[in-house]
Amino acid sequence: MSMHPLLRRRYRLDETPVPFVLNGAPETGRRGDTVLTAILSVSGRLRTSEFTGEDRAGFCLIGACQDCYVMLADGSRVRACSTALRPGMAFITDPGEMAEAAHE
């Protein structure tokens, strides 16, 4: 995974912080963020394709395709581009992490 965030937050820096977990690590988004914005503000990819293993960052960004689905720690999936970030959400975007979570 890229160590550098794909997005750089330039506005709304004073919005209320919203804590979330990404692959077991605590992170912080901002009130009003979508899941996609929050993850790409701290990561270089949204998820890894389950078909090719390539990094993905969403495609249409309007909820019409299925490229931005991310897995929640409970095994359910959300569309990252149109789902509002809520405090305490936990995401697994690494296939190795997904496999480990399935065995727990």
PDB file of N, CA and C in Angstrom:
ATOM      1  N   MET A   1       0.847  -1.176   0.000  1.00  0.00           N
ATOM      2  CA  MET A   1       0.000   0.000   0.000  1.00  0.00           C
ATOM      3  C   MET A   1       0.893   1.240   0.000  1.00  0.00           C
ATOM      4  N   SER A   2       0.465   2.235  -0.736  1.00  0.00           N
ATOM      5  CA  SER A   2       1.192   3.487  -0.778  1.00  0.00           C
ATOM      6  C   SER A   2       1.158   4.151   0.595  1.00  0.00           C
ATOM      7  N   MET A   3       2.272   4.697   0.988  1.00  0.00           N
ATOM      8  CA  MET A   3       2.343   5.361   2.284  1.00  0.00           C
ATOM      9  C   MET A   3       1.764   6.775   2.222  1.00  0.00           C
ATOM     10  N   HIS A   4       1.649   7.335   1.027  1.00  0.00           N
ATOM     11  CA  HIS A   4       1.175   8.703   0.879  1.00  0.00           C
ATOM     12  C   HIS A   4      -0.315   8.727   0.553  1.00  0.00           C
ATOM     13  N   PRO A   5      -1.082   9.549   1.251  1.00  0.00           N
ATOM     14  CA  PRO A   5      -2.508   9.644   0.949  1.00  0.00           C
ATOM     15  C   PRO A   5      -2.734  10.071  -0.495  1.00  0.00           C
ATOM     16  N   LEU A   6      -3.784   9.552  -1.099  1.00  0.00           N
ATOM     17  CA  LEU A   6      -4.116   9.919  -2.470  1.00  0.00           C
ATOM     18  C   LEU A   6      -4.719  11.322  -2.519  1.00  0.00           C
ATOM     19  N   LEU A   7      -5.474  11.690  -1.485  1.00  0.00           N
ATOM     20  CA  LEU A   7      -6.085  13.014  -1.411  1.00  0.00           C
ATOM     21  C   LEU A   7      -5.404  13.836  -0.330  1.00  0.00           C
ATOM     22  N   ARG A   8      -5.324  15.116  -0.553  1.00  0.00           N
ATOM     23  CA  ARG A   8      -4.780  16.036   0.450  1.00  0.00           C
ATOM     24  C   ARG A   8      -5.884  16.997   0.864  1.00  0.00           C
ATOM     25  N   ARG A   9      -6.204  16.971   2.145  1.00  0.00           N
ATOM     26  CA  ARG A   9      -7.276  17.830   2.661  1.00  0.00           C
ATOM     27  C   ARG A   9      -6.784  19.277   2.681  1.00  0.00           C
ATOM     28  N   ARG A  10      -7.539  20.139   2.000  1.00  0.00           N
ATOM     29  CA  ARG A  10      -7.168  21.549   1.935  1.00  0.00           C
ATOM     30  C   ARG A  10      -8.237  22.443   2.552  1.00  0.00           C
ATOM     31  N   TYR A  11      -9.461  21.928   2.613  1.00  0.00           N
ATOM     32  CA  TYR A  11     -10.581  22.706   3.124  1.00  0.00           C
ATOM     33  C   TYR A  11     -11.269  21.915   4.225  1.00  0.00           C
ATOM     34  N   ARG A  12     -12.112  22.600   4.976  1.00  0.00           N
ATOM     35  CA  ARG A  12     -12.868  21.983   6.061  1.00  0.00           C
ATOM     36  C   ARG A  12     -11.955  21.373   7.126  1.00  0.00           C
ATOM     37  N   LEU A  13     -10.799  21.947   7.306  1.00  0.00           N
ATOM     38  CA  LEU A  13      -9.851  21.432   8.302  1.00  0.00           C
ATOM     39  C   LEU A  13     -10.367  21.615   9.729  1.00  0.00           C
ATOM     40  N   ASP A  14     -11.290  22.554   9.912  1.00  0.00           N
ATOM     41  CA  ASP A  14     -11.800  22.819  11.254  1.00  0.00           C
ATOM     42  C   ASP A  14     -13.075  22.038  11.575  1.00  0.00           C
ATOM     43  N   GLU A  15     -13.526  21.173  10.656  1.00  0.00           N
ATOM     44  CA  GLU A  15     -14.705  20.346  10.933  1.00  0.00           C
ATOM     45  C   GLU A  15     -14.405  19.348  12.054  1.00  0.00           C
ATOM     46  N   THR A  16     -15.440  18.907  12.714  1.00  0.00           N
ATOM     47  CA  THR A  16     -15.317  17.968  13.826  1.00  0.00           C
ATOM     48  C   THR A  16     -14.619  16.687  13.375  1.00  0.00           C
ATOM     49  N   PRO A  17     -13.582  16.245  14.089  1.00  0.00           N
ATOM     50  CA  PRO A  17     -12.926  14.977  13.755  1.00  0.00           C
ATOM     51  C   PRO A  17     -13.868  13.792  13.956  1.00  0.00           C
ATOM     52  N   VAL A  18     -13.749  12.806  13.068  1.00  0.00           N
ATOM     53  CA  VAL A  18     -14.560  11.583  13.145  1.00  0.00           C
ATOM     54  C   VAL A  18     -13.595  10.400  13.159  1.00  0.00           C
ATOM     55  N   PRO A  19     -13.467   9.711  14.289  1.00  0.00           N
ATOM     56  CA  PRO A  19     -12.548   8.577  14.366  1.00  0.00           C
ATOM     57  C   PRO A  19     -13.086   7.360  13.614  1.00  0.00           C
ATOM     58  N   PHE A  20     -12.189   6.655  12.932  1.00  0.00           N
ATOM     59  CA  PHE A  20     -12.526   5.394  12.284  1.00  0.00           C
ATOM     60  C   PHE A  20     -11.299   4.504  12.313  1.00  0.00           C
ATOM     61  N   VAL A  21     -11.451   3.251  11.926  1.00  0.00           N
ATOM     62  CA  VAL A  21     -10.348   2.289  11.936  1.00  0.00           C
ATOM     63  C   VAL A  21     -10.158   1.769  10.519  1.00  0.00           C
ATOM     64  N   LEU A  22      -8.923   1.752  10.057  1.00  0.00           N
ATOM     65  CA  LEU A  22      -8.590   1.261   8.726  1.00  0.00           C
ATOM     66  C   LEU A  22      -7.550   0.158   8.864  1.00  0.00           C
ATOM     67  N   ASN A  23      -7.941  -1.052   8.543  1.00  0.00           N
ATOM     68  CA  ASN A  23      -7.055  -2.218   8.655  1.00  0.00           C
ATOM     69  C   ASN A  23      -6.402  -2.312  10.026  1.00  0.00           C
ATOM     70  N   GLY A  24      -7.207  -2.065  11.053  1.00  0.00           N
ATOM     71  CA  GLY A  24      -6.743  -2.194  12.431  1.00  0.00           C
ATOM     72  C   GLY A  24      -6.070  -0.967  13.011  1.00  0.00           C
ATOM     73  N   ALA A  25      -5.826   0.062  12.192  1.00  0.00           N
ATOM     74  CA  ALA A  25      -5.144   1.268  12.671  1.00  0.00           C
ATOM     75  C   ALA A  25      -6.141   2.412  12.862  1.00  0.00           C
ATOM     76  N   PRO A  26      -6.060   3.109  13.982  1.00  0.00           N
ATOM     77  CA  PRO A  26      -6.968   4.240  14.190  1.00  0.00           C
ATOM     78  C   PRO A  26      -6.628   5.387  13.239  1.00  0.00           C
ATOM     79  N   GLU A  27      -7.652   5.978  12.651  1.00  0.00           N
ATOM     80  CA  GLU A  27      -7.501   7.107  11.734  1.00  0.00           C
ATOM     81  C   GLU A  27      -8.566   8.139  12.077  1.00  0.00           C
ATOM     82  N   THR A  28      -8.487   9.302  11.434  1.00  0.00           N
ATOM     83  CA  THR A  28      -9.459  10.355  11.678  1.00  0.00           C
ATOM     84  C   THR A  28      -9.878  10.993  10.364  1.00  0.00           C
ATOM     85  N   GLY A  29     -11.196  11.082  10.172  1.00  0.00           N
ATOM     86  CA  GLY A  29     -11.762  11.834   9.064  1.00  0.00           C
ATOM     87  C   GLY A  29     -12.353  13.109   9.613  1.00  0.00           C
ATOM     88  N   ARG A  30     -13.241  13.727   8.863  1.00  0.00           N
ATOM     89  CA  ARG A  30     -13.900  14.961   9.292  1.00  0.00           C
ATOM     90  C   ARG A  30     -15.407  14.837   9.080  1.00  0.00           C
ATOM     91  N   ARG A  31     -16.155  15.526   9.913  1.00  0.00           N
ATOM     92  CA  ARG A  31     -17.604  15.561   9.762  1.00  0.00           C
ATOM     93  C   ARG A  31     -17.930  15.972   8.332  1.00  0.00           C
ATOM     94  N   GLY A  32     -18.850  15.238   7.705  1.00  0.00           N
ATOM     95  CA  GLY A  32     -19.233  15.521   6.330  1.00  0.00           C
ATOM     96  C   GLY A  32     -18.482  14.708   5.293  1.00  0.00           C
ATOM     97  N   ASP A  33     -17.442  13.977   5.707  1.00  0.00           N
ATOM     98  CA  ASP A  33     -16.693  13.129   4.774  1.00  0.00           C
ATOM     99  C   ASP A  33     -17.533  11.939   4.335  1.00  0.00           C
ATOM    100  N   THR A  34     -17.323  11.508   3.102  1.00  0.00           N
ATOM    101  CA  THR A  34     -17.792  10.190   2.707  1.00  0.00           C
ATOM    102  C   THR A  34     -16.721   9.200   3.158  1.00  0.00           C
ATOM    103  N   VAL A  35     -17.043   7.932   3.149  1.00  0.00           N
ATOM    104  CA  VAL A  35     -16.054   6.905   3.473  1.00  0.00           C
ATOM    105  C   VAL A  35     -14.876   7.003   2.500  1.00  0.00           C
ATOM    106  N   LEU A  36     -15.161   7.211   1.217  1.00  0.00           N
ATOM    107  CA  LEU A  36     -14.106   7.315   0.206  1.00  0.00           C
ATOM    108  C   LEU A  36     -13.145   8.462   0.536  1.00  0.00           C
ATOM    109  N   THR A  37     -13.688   9.633   0.842  1.00  0.00           N
ATOM    110  CA  THR A  37     -12.851  10.788   1.168  1.00  0.00           C
ATOM    111  C   THR A  37     -12.002  10.521   2.402  1.00  0.00           C
ATOM    112  N   ALA A  38     -12.610   9.953   3.420  1.00  0.00           N
ATOM    113  CA  ALA A  38     -11.880   9.687   4.665  1.00  0.00           C
ATOM    114  C   ALA A  38     -10.727   8.715   4.431  1.00  0.00           C
ATOM    115  N   ILE A  39     -10.994   7.619   3.723  1.00  0.00           N
ATOM    116  CA  ILE A  39      -9.938   6.622   3.497  1.00  0.00           C
ATOM    117  C   ILE A  39      -8.840   7.184   2.599  1.00  0.00           C
ATOM    118  N   LEU A  40      -9.207   7.846   1.500  1.00  0.00           N
ATOM    119  CA  LEU A  40      -8.176   8.350   0.586  1.00  0.00           C
ATOM    120  C   LEU A  40      -7.427   9.549   1.145  1.00  0.00           C
ATOM    121  N   SER A  41      -7.928  10.140   2.228  1.00  0.00           N
ATOM    122  CA  SER A  41      -7.192  11.218   2.893  1.00  0.00           C
ATOM    123  C   SER A  41      -6.079  10.684   3.793  1.00  0.00           C
ATOM    124  N   VAL A  42      -6.103   9.363   4.057  1.00  0.00           N
ATOM    125  CA  VAL A  42      -5.062   8.766   4.906  1.00  0.00           C
ATOM    126  C   VAL A  42      -4.337   7.609   4.213  1.00  0.00           C
ATOM    127  N   SER A  43      -4.801   7.227   3.005  1.00  0.00           N
ATOM    128  CA  SER A  43      -4.244   6.065   2.325  1.00  0.00           C
ATOM    129  C   SER A  43      -4.050   6.346   0.835  1.00  0.00           C
ATOM    130  N   GLY A  44      -3.158   5.617   0.224  1.00  0.00           N
ATOM    131  CA  GLY A  44      -2.895   5.761  -1.197  1.00  0.00           C
ATOM    132  C   GLY A  44      -3.829   4.960  -2.076  1.00  0.00           C
ATOM    133  N   ARG A  45      -4.754   4.206  -1.463  1.00  0.00           N
ATOM    134  CA  ARG A  45      -5.737   3.435  -2.234  1.00  0.00           C
ATOM    135  C   ARG A  45      -6.977   3.228  -1.386  1.00  0.00           C
ATOM    136  N   LEU A  46      -8.072   2.976  -2.061  1.00  0.00           N
ATOM    137  CA  LEU A  46      -9.323   2.705  -1.360  1.00  0.00           C
ATOM    138  C   LEU A  46      -9.397   1.244  -0.955  1.00  0.00           C
ATOM    139  N   ARG A  47      -9.010   0.375  -1.878  1.00  0.00           N
ATOM    140  CA  ARG A  47      -9.015  -1.059  -1.618  1.00  0.00           C
ATOM    141  C   ARG A  47      -8.186  -1.742  -2.692  1.00  0.00           C
ATOM    142  N   THR A  48      -8.025  -3.043  -2.541  1.00  0.00           N
ATOM    143  CA  THR A  48      -7.352  -3.857  -3.549  1.00  0.00           C
ATOM    144  C   THR A  48      -8.412  -4.668  -4.272  1.00  0.00           C
ATOM    145  N   SER A  49      -8.323  -4.728  -5.593  1.00  0.00           N
ATOM    146  CA  SER A  49      -9.284  -5.501  -6.370  1.00  0.00           C
ATOM    147  C   SER A  49      -9.191  -6.972  -6.002  1.00  0.00           C
ATOM    148  N   GLU A  50     -10.348  -7.570  -5.743  1.00  0.00           N
ATOM    149  CA  GLU A  50     -10.363  -8.995  -5.415  1.00  0.00           C
ATOM    150  C   GLU A  50     -10.093  -9.846  -6.648  1.00  0.00           C
ATOM    151  N   PHE A  51     -10.157  -9.272  -7.836  1.00  0.00           N
ATOM    152  CA  PHE A  51      -9.947 -10.019  -9.073  1.00  0.00           C
ATOM    153  C   PHE A  51      -8.507  -9.939  -9.575  1.00  0.00           C
ATOM    154  N   THR A  52      -7.914  -8.751  -9.506  1.00  0.00           N
ATOM    155  CA  THR A  52      -6.571  -8.564 -10.071  1.00  0.00           C
ATOM    156  C   THR A  52      -5.496  -8.274  -9.035  1.00  0.00           C
ATOM    157  N   GLY A  53      -5.901  -7.901  -7.818  1.00  0.00           N
ATOM    158  CA  GLY A  53      -4.925  -7.525  -6.793  1.00  0.00           C
ATOM    159  C   GLY A  53      -4.412  -6.106  -6.949  1.00  0.00           C
ATOM    160  N   GLU A  54      -4.906  -5.384  -7.951  1.00  0.00           N
ATOM    161  CA  GLU A  54      -4.458  -4.015  -8.176  1.00  0.00           C
ATOM    162  C   GLU A  54      -5.157  -3.050  -7.220  1.00  0.00           C
ATOM    163  N   ASP A  55      -4.483  -1.954  -6.948  1.00  0.00           N
ATOM    164  CA  ASP A  55      -5.070  -0.919  -6.110  1.00  0.00           C
ATOM    165  C   ASP A  55      -6.223  -0.247  -6.843  1.00  0.00           C
ATOM    166  N   ARG A  56      -7.270   0.081  -6.088  1.00  0.00           N
ATOM    167  CA  ARG A  56      -8.445   0.766  -6.632  1.00  0.00           C
ATOM    168  C   ARG A  56      -8.704   2.016  -5.799  1.00  0.00           C
ATOM    169  N   ALA A  57      -9.292   3.035  -6.443  1.00  0.00           N
ATOM    170  CA  ALA A  57      -9.604   4.280  -5.744  1.00  0.00           C
ATOM    171  C   ALA A  57     -11.012   4.758  -6.064  1.00  0.00           C
ATOM    172  N   GLY A  58     -11.870   3.874  -6.534  1.00  0.00           N
ATOM    173  CA  GLY A  58     -13.194   4.279  -6.986  1.00  0.00           C
ATOM    174  C   GLY A  58     -13.133   4.557  -8.476  1.00  0.00           C
ATOM    175  N   PHE A  59     -14.281   4.639  -9.107  1.00  0.00           N
ATOM    176  CA  PHE A  59     -14.307   4.852 -10.550  1.00  0.00           C
ATOM    177  C   PHE A  59     -15.218   6.015 -10.911  1.00  0.00           C
ATOM    178  N   CYS A  60     -16.526   5.834 -10.728  1.00  0.00           N
ATOM    179  CA  CYS A  60     -17.461   6.883 -11.164  1.00  0.00           C
ATOM    180  C   CYS A  60     -17.633   7.973 -10.106  1.00  0.00           C
ATOM    181  N   LEU A  61     -17.477   7.623  -8.845  1.00  0.00           N
ATOM    182  CA  LEU A  61     -17.590   8.524  -7.691  1.00  0.00           C
ATOM    183  C   LEU A  61     -18.981   9.119  -7.505  1.00  0.00           C
ATOM    184  N   ILE A  62     -20.013   8.513  -8.126  1.00  0.00           N
ATOM    185  CA  ILE A  62     -21.384   8.988  -7.951  1.00  0.00           C
ATOM    186  C   ILE A  62     -22.339   7.866  -7.569  1.00  0.00           C
ATOM    187  N   GLY A  63     -21.825   6.693  -7.243  1.00  0.00           N
ATOM    188  CA  GLY A  63     -22.663   5.593  -6.799  1.00  0.00           C
ATOM    189  C   GLY A  63     -23.275   4.765  -7.904  1.00  0.00           C
ATOM    190  N   ALA A  64     -22.818   4.930  -9.137  1.00  0.00           N
ATOM    191  CA  ALA A  64     -23.393   4.182 -10.249  1.00  0.00           C
ATOM    192  C   ALA A  64     -22.673   2.864 -10.521  1.00  0.00           C
ATOM    193  N   CYS A  65     -21.407   2.780 -10.211  1.00  0.00           N
ATOM    194  CA  CYS A  65     -20.661   1.542 -10.443  1.00  0.00           C
ATOM    195  C   CYS A  65     -20.497   0.808  -9.108  1.00  0.00           C
ATOM    196  N   GLN A  66     -19.695  -0.210  -9.073  1.00  0.00           N
ATOM    197  CA  GLN A  66     -19.467  -0.949  -7.833  1.00  0.00           C
ATOM    198  C   GLN A  66     -17.987  -0.988  -7.474  1.00  0.00           C
ATOM    199  N   ASP A  67     -17.213  -0.073  -8.014  1.00  0.00           N
ATOM    200  CA  ASP A  67     -15.773  -0.105  -7.828  1.00  0.00           C
ATOM    201  C   ASP A  67     -15.322   0.396  -6.460  1.00  0.00           C
ATOM    202  N   CYS A  68     -16.178   1.096  -5.751  1.00  0.00           N
ATOM    203  CA  CYS A  68     -15.740   1.676  -4.479  1.00  0.00           C
ATOM    204  C   CYS A  68     -16.243   0.914  -3.258  1.00  0.00           C
ATOM    205  N   TYR A  69     -16.832  -0.254  -3.452  1.00  0.00           N
ATOM    206  CA  TYR A  69     -17.272  -1.011  -2.284  1.00  0.00           C
ATOM    207  C   TYR A  69     -16.090  -1.321  -1.380  1.00  0.00           C
ATOM    208  N   VAL A  70     -16.260  -1.105  -0.086  1.00  0.00           N
ATOM    209  CA  VAL A  70     -15.249  -1.494   0.902  1.00  0.00           C
ATOM    210  C   VAL A  70     -15.928  -2.362   1.965  1.00  0.00           C
ATOM    211  N   MET A  71     -15.145  -3.222   2.559  1.00  0.00           N
ATOM    212  CA  MET A  71     -15.641  -4.150   3.566  1.00  0.00           C
ATOM    213  C   MET A  71     -15.532  -3.522   4.950  1.00  0.00           C
ATOM    214  N   LEU A  72     -16.626  -3.642   5.696  1.00  0.00           N
ATOM    215  CA  LEU A  72     -16.590  -3.255   7.097  1.00  0.00           C
ATOM    216  C   LEU A  72     -16.030  -4.428   7.896  1.00  0.00           C
ATOM    217  N   ALA A  73     -15.541  -4.161   9.084  1.00  0.00           N
ATOM    218  CA  ALA A  73     -14.954  -5.211   9.917  1.00  0.00           C
ATOM    219  C   ALA A  73     -15.952  -6.316  10.246  1.00  0.00           C
ATOM    220  N   ASP A  74     -17.258  -6.012  10.194  1.00  0.00           N
ATOM    221  CA  ASP A  74     -18.264  -7.042  10.476  1.00  0.00           C
ATOM    222  C   ASP A  74     -18.581  -7.903   9.254  1.00  0.00           C
ATOM    223  N   GLY A  75     -17.913  -7.649   8.123  1.00  0.00           N
ATOM    224  CA  GLY A  75     -18.099  -8.447   6.922  1.00  0.00           C
ATOM    225  C   GLY A  75     -19.078  -7.863   5.923  1.00  0.00           C
ATOM    226  N   SER A  76     -19.836  -6.856   6.310  1.00  0.00           N
ATOM    227  CA  SER A  76     -20.744  -6.218   5.358  1.00  0.00           C
ATOM    228  C   SER A  76     -19.956  -5.251   4.472  1.00  0.00           C
ATOM    229  N   ARG A  77     -20.577  -4.840   3.376  1.00  0.00           N
ATOM    230  CA  ARG A  77     -19.907  -3.922   2.453  1.00  0.00           C
ATOM    231  C   ARG A  77     -20.709  -2.629   2.352  1.00  0.00           C
ATOM    232  N   VAL A  78     -20.000  -1.531   2.106  1.00  0.00           N
ATOM    233  CA  VAL A  78     -20.644  -0.242   1.859  1.00  0.00           C
ATOM    234  C   VAL A  78     -20.042   0.377   0.611  1.00  0.00           C
ATOM    235  N   ARG A  79     -20.830   1.184  -0.050  1.00  0.00           N
ATOM    236  CA  ARG A  79     -20.361   1.933  -1.219  1.00  0.00           C
ATOM    237  C   ARG A  79     -19.671   3.187  -0.677  1.00  0.00           C
ATOM    238  N   ALA A  80     -18.375   3.257  -0.788  1.00  0.00           N
ATOM    239  CA  ALA A  80     -17.583   4.304  -0.138  1.00  0.00           C
ATOM    240  C   ALA A  80     -17.880   5.707  -0.652  1.00  0.00           C
ATOM    241  N   CYS A  81     -18.243   5.833  -1.920  1.00  0.00           N
ATOM    242  CA  CYS A  81     -18.437   7.171  -2.489  1.00  0.00           C
ATOM    243  C   CYS A  81     -19.729   7.825  -2.019  1.00  0.00           C
ATOM    244  N   SER A  82     -20.698   7.034  -1.568  1.00  0.00           N
ATOM    245  CA  SER A  82     -21.988   7.617  -1.190  1.00  0.00           C
ATOM    246  C   SER A  82     -22.395   7.302   0.250  1.00  0.00           C
ATOM    247  N   THR A  83     -21.489   6.760   1.038  1.00  0.00           N
ATOM    248  CA  THR A  83     -21.768   6.455   2.439  1.00  0.00           C
ATOM    249  C   THR A  83     -21.068   7.475   3.327  1.00  0.00           C
ATOM    250  N   ALA A  84     -21.832   8.107   4.191  1.00  0.00           N
ATOM    251  CA  ALA A  84     -21.261   9.084   5.114  1.00  0.00           C
ATOM    252  C   ALA A  84     -20.428   8.372   6.185  1.00  0.00           C
ATOM    253  N   LEU A  85     -19.273   8.935   6.493  1.00  0.00           N
ATOM    254  CA  LEU A  85     -18.429   8.409   7.561  1.00  0.00           C
ATOM    255  C   LEU A  85     -19.114   8.653   8.901  1.00  0.00           C
ATOM    256  N   ARG A  86     -19.169   7.614   9.726  1.00  0.00           N
ATOM    257  CA  ARG A  86     -19.728   7.720  11.066  1.00  0.00           C
ATOM    258  C   ARG A  86     -18.653   7.326  12.080  1.00  0.00           C
ATOM    259  N   PRO A  87     -18.678   7.918  13.251  1.00  0.00           N
ATOM    260  CA  PRO A  87     -17.678   7.585  14.265  1.00  0.00           C
ATOM    261  C   PRO A  87     -17.664   6.086  14.561  1.00  0.00           C
ATOM    262  N   GLY A  88     -16.457   5.530  14.643  1.00  0.00           N
ATOM    263  CA  GLY A  88     -16.287   4.137  15.021  1.00  0.00           C
ATOM    264  C   GLY A  88     -16.359   3.137  13.892  1.00  0.00           C
ATOM    265  N   MET A  89     -16.624   3.587  12.669  1.00  0.00           N
ATOM    266  CA  MET A  89     -16.649   2.639  11.552  1.00  0.00           C
ATOM    267  C   MET A  89     -15.265   1.999  11.434  1.00  0.00           C
ATOM    268  N   ALA A  90     -15.235   0.725  11.057  1.00  0.00           N
ATOM    269  CA  ALA A  90     -13.968  -0.001  10.904  1.00  0.00           C
ATOM    270  C   ALA A  90     -13.967  -0.681   9.539  1.00  0.00           C
ATOM    271  N   PHE A  91     -12.923  -0.442   8.761  1.00  0.00           N
ATOM    272  CA  PHE A  91     -12.829  -0.942   7.395  1.00  0.00           C
ATOM    273  C   PHE A  91     -11.646  -1.877   7.231  1.00  0.00           C
ATOM    274  N   ILE A  92     -11.842  -2.884   6.385  1.00  0.00           N
ATOM    275  CA  ILE A  92     -10.759  -3.795   6.021  1.00  0.00           C
ATOM    276  C   ILE A  92     -10.610  -3.698   4.512  1.00  0.00           C
ATOM    277  N   THR A  93      -9.490  -3.148   4.065  1.00  0.00           N
ATOM    278  CA  THR A  93      -9.276  -2.944   2.633  1.00  0.00           C
ATOM    279  C   THR A  93      -8.153  -3.803   2.081  1.00  0.00           C
ATOM    280  N   ASP A  94      -7.498  -4.522   2.948  1.00  0.00           N
ATOM    281  CA  ASP A  94      -6.385  -5.377   2.549  1.00  0.00           C
ATOM    282  C   ASP A  94      -6.868  -6.819   2.497  1.00  0.00           C
ATOM    283  N   PRO A  95      -6.704  -7.520   1.357  1.00  0.00           N
ATOM    284  CA  PRO A  95      -7.204  -8.899   1.255  1.00  0.00           C
ATOM    285  C   PRO A  95      -6.665  -9.821   2.344  1.00  0.00           C
ATOM    286  N   GLY A  96      -5.426  -9.664   2.758  1.00  0.00           N
ATOM    287  CA  GLY A  96      -4.871 -10.476   3.842  1.00  0.00           C
ATOM    288  C   GLY A  96      -5.613 -10.258   5.139  1.00  0.00           C
ATOM    289  N   GLU A  97      -5.984  -9.011   5.398  1.00  0.00           N
ATOM    290  CA  GLU A  97      -6.763  -8.690   6.590  1.00  0.00           C
ATOM    291  C   GLU A  97      -8.151  -9.313   6.502  1.00  0.00           C
ATOM    292  N   MET A  98      -8.736  -9.314   5.303  1.00  0.00           N
ATOM    293  CA  MET A  98     -10.071  -9.891   5.114  1.00  0.00           C
ATOM    294  C   MET A  98     -10.044 -11.391   5.408  1.00  0.00           C
ATOM    295  N   ALA A  99      -9.005 -12.064   4.932  1.00  0.00           N
ATOM    296  CA  ALA A  99      -8.889 -13.508   5.157  1.00  0.00           C
ATOM    297  C   ALA A  99      -8.740 -13.812   6.644  1.00  0.00           C
ATOM    298  N   GLU A 100      -7.929 -13.010   7.333  1.00  0.00           N
ATOM    299  CA  GLU A 100      -7.748 -13.197   8.773  1.00  0.00           C
ATOM    300  C   GLU A 100      -9.047 -12.971   9.528  1.00  0.00           C
ATOM    301  N   ALA A 101      -9.806 -11.941   9.131  1.00  0.00           N
ATOM    302  CA  ALA A 101     -11.060 -11.635   9.813  1.00  0.00           C
ATOM    303  C   ALA A 101     -12.072 -12.760   9.598  1.00  0.00           C
ATOM    304  N   ALA A 102     -12.050 -13.401   8.443  1.00  0.00           N
ATOM    305  CA  ALA A 102     -12.981 -14.487   8.145  1.00  0.00           C
ATOM    306  C   ALA A 102     -12.709 -15.710   9.010  1.00  0.00           C
ATOM    307  N   HIS A 103     -11.463 -15.881   9.439  1.00  0.00           N
ATOM    308  CA  HIS A 103     -11.097 -17.044  10.259  1.00  0.00           C
ATOM    309  C   HIS A 103     -11.325 -16.799  11.747  1.00  0.00           C
ATOM    310  N   GLU A 104     -11.648 -15.589  12.127  1.00  0.00           N
ATOM    311  CA  GLU A 104     -11.856 -15.277  13.558  1.00  0.00           C
ATOM    312  C   GLU A 104     -13.254 -15.614  13.974  1.00  0.00           C
TER     313      GLU A 104
END
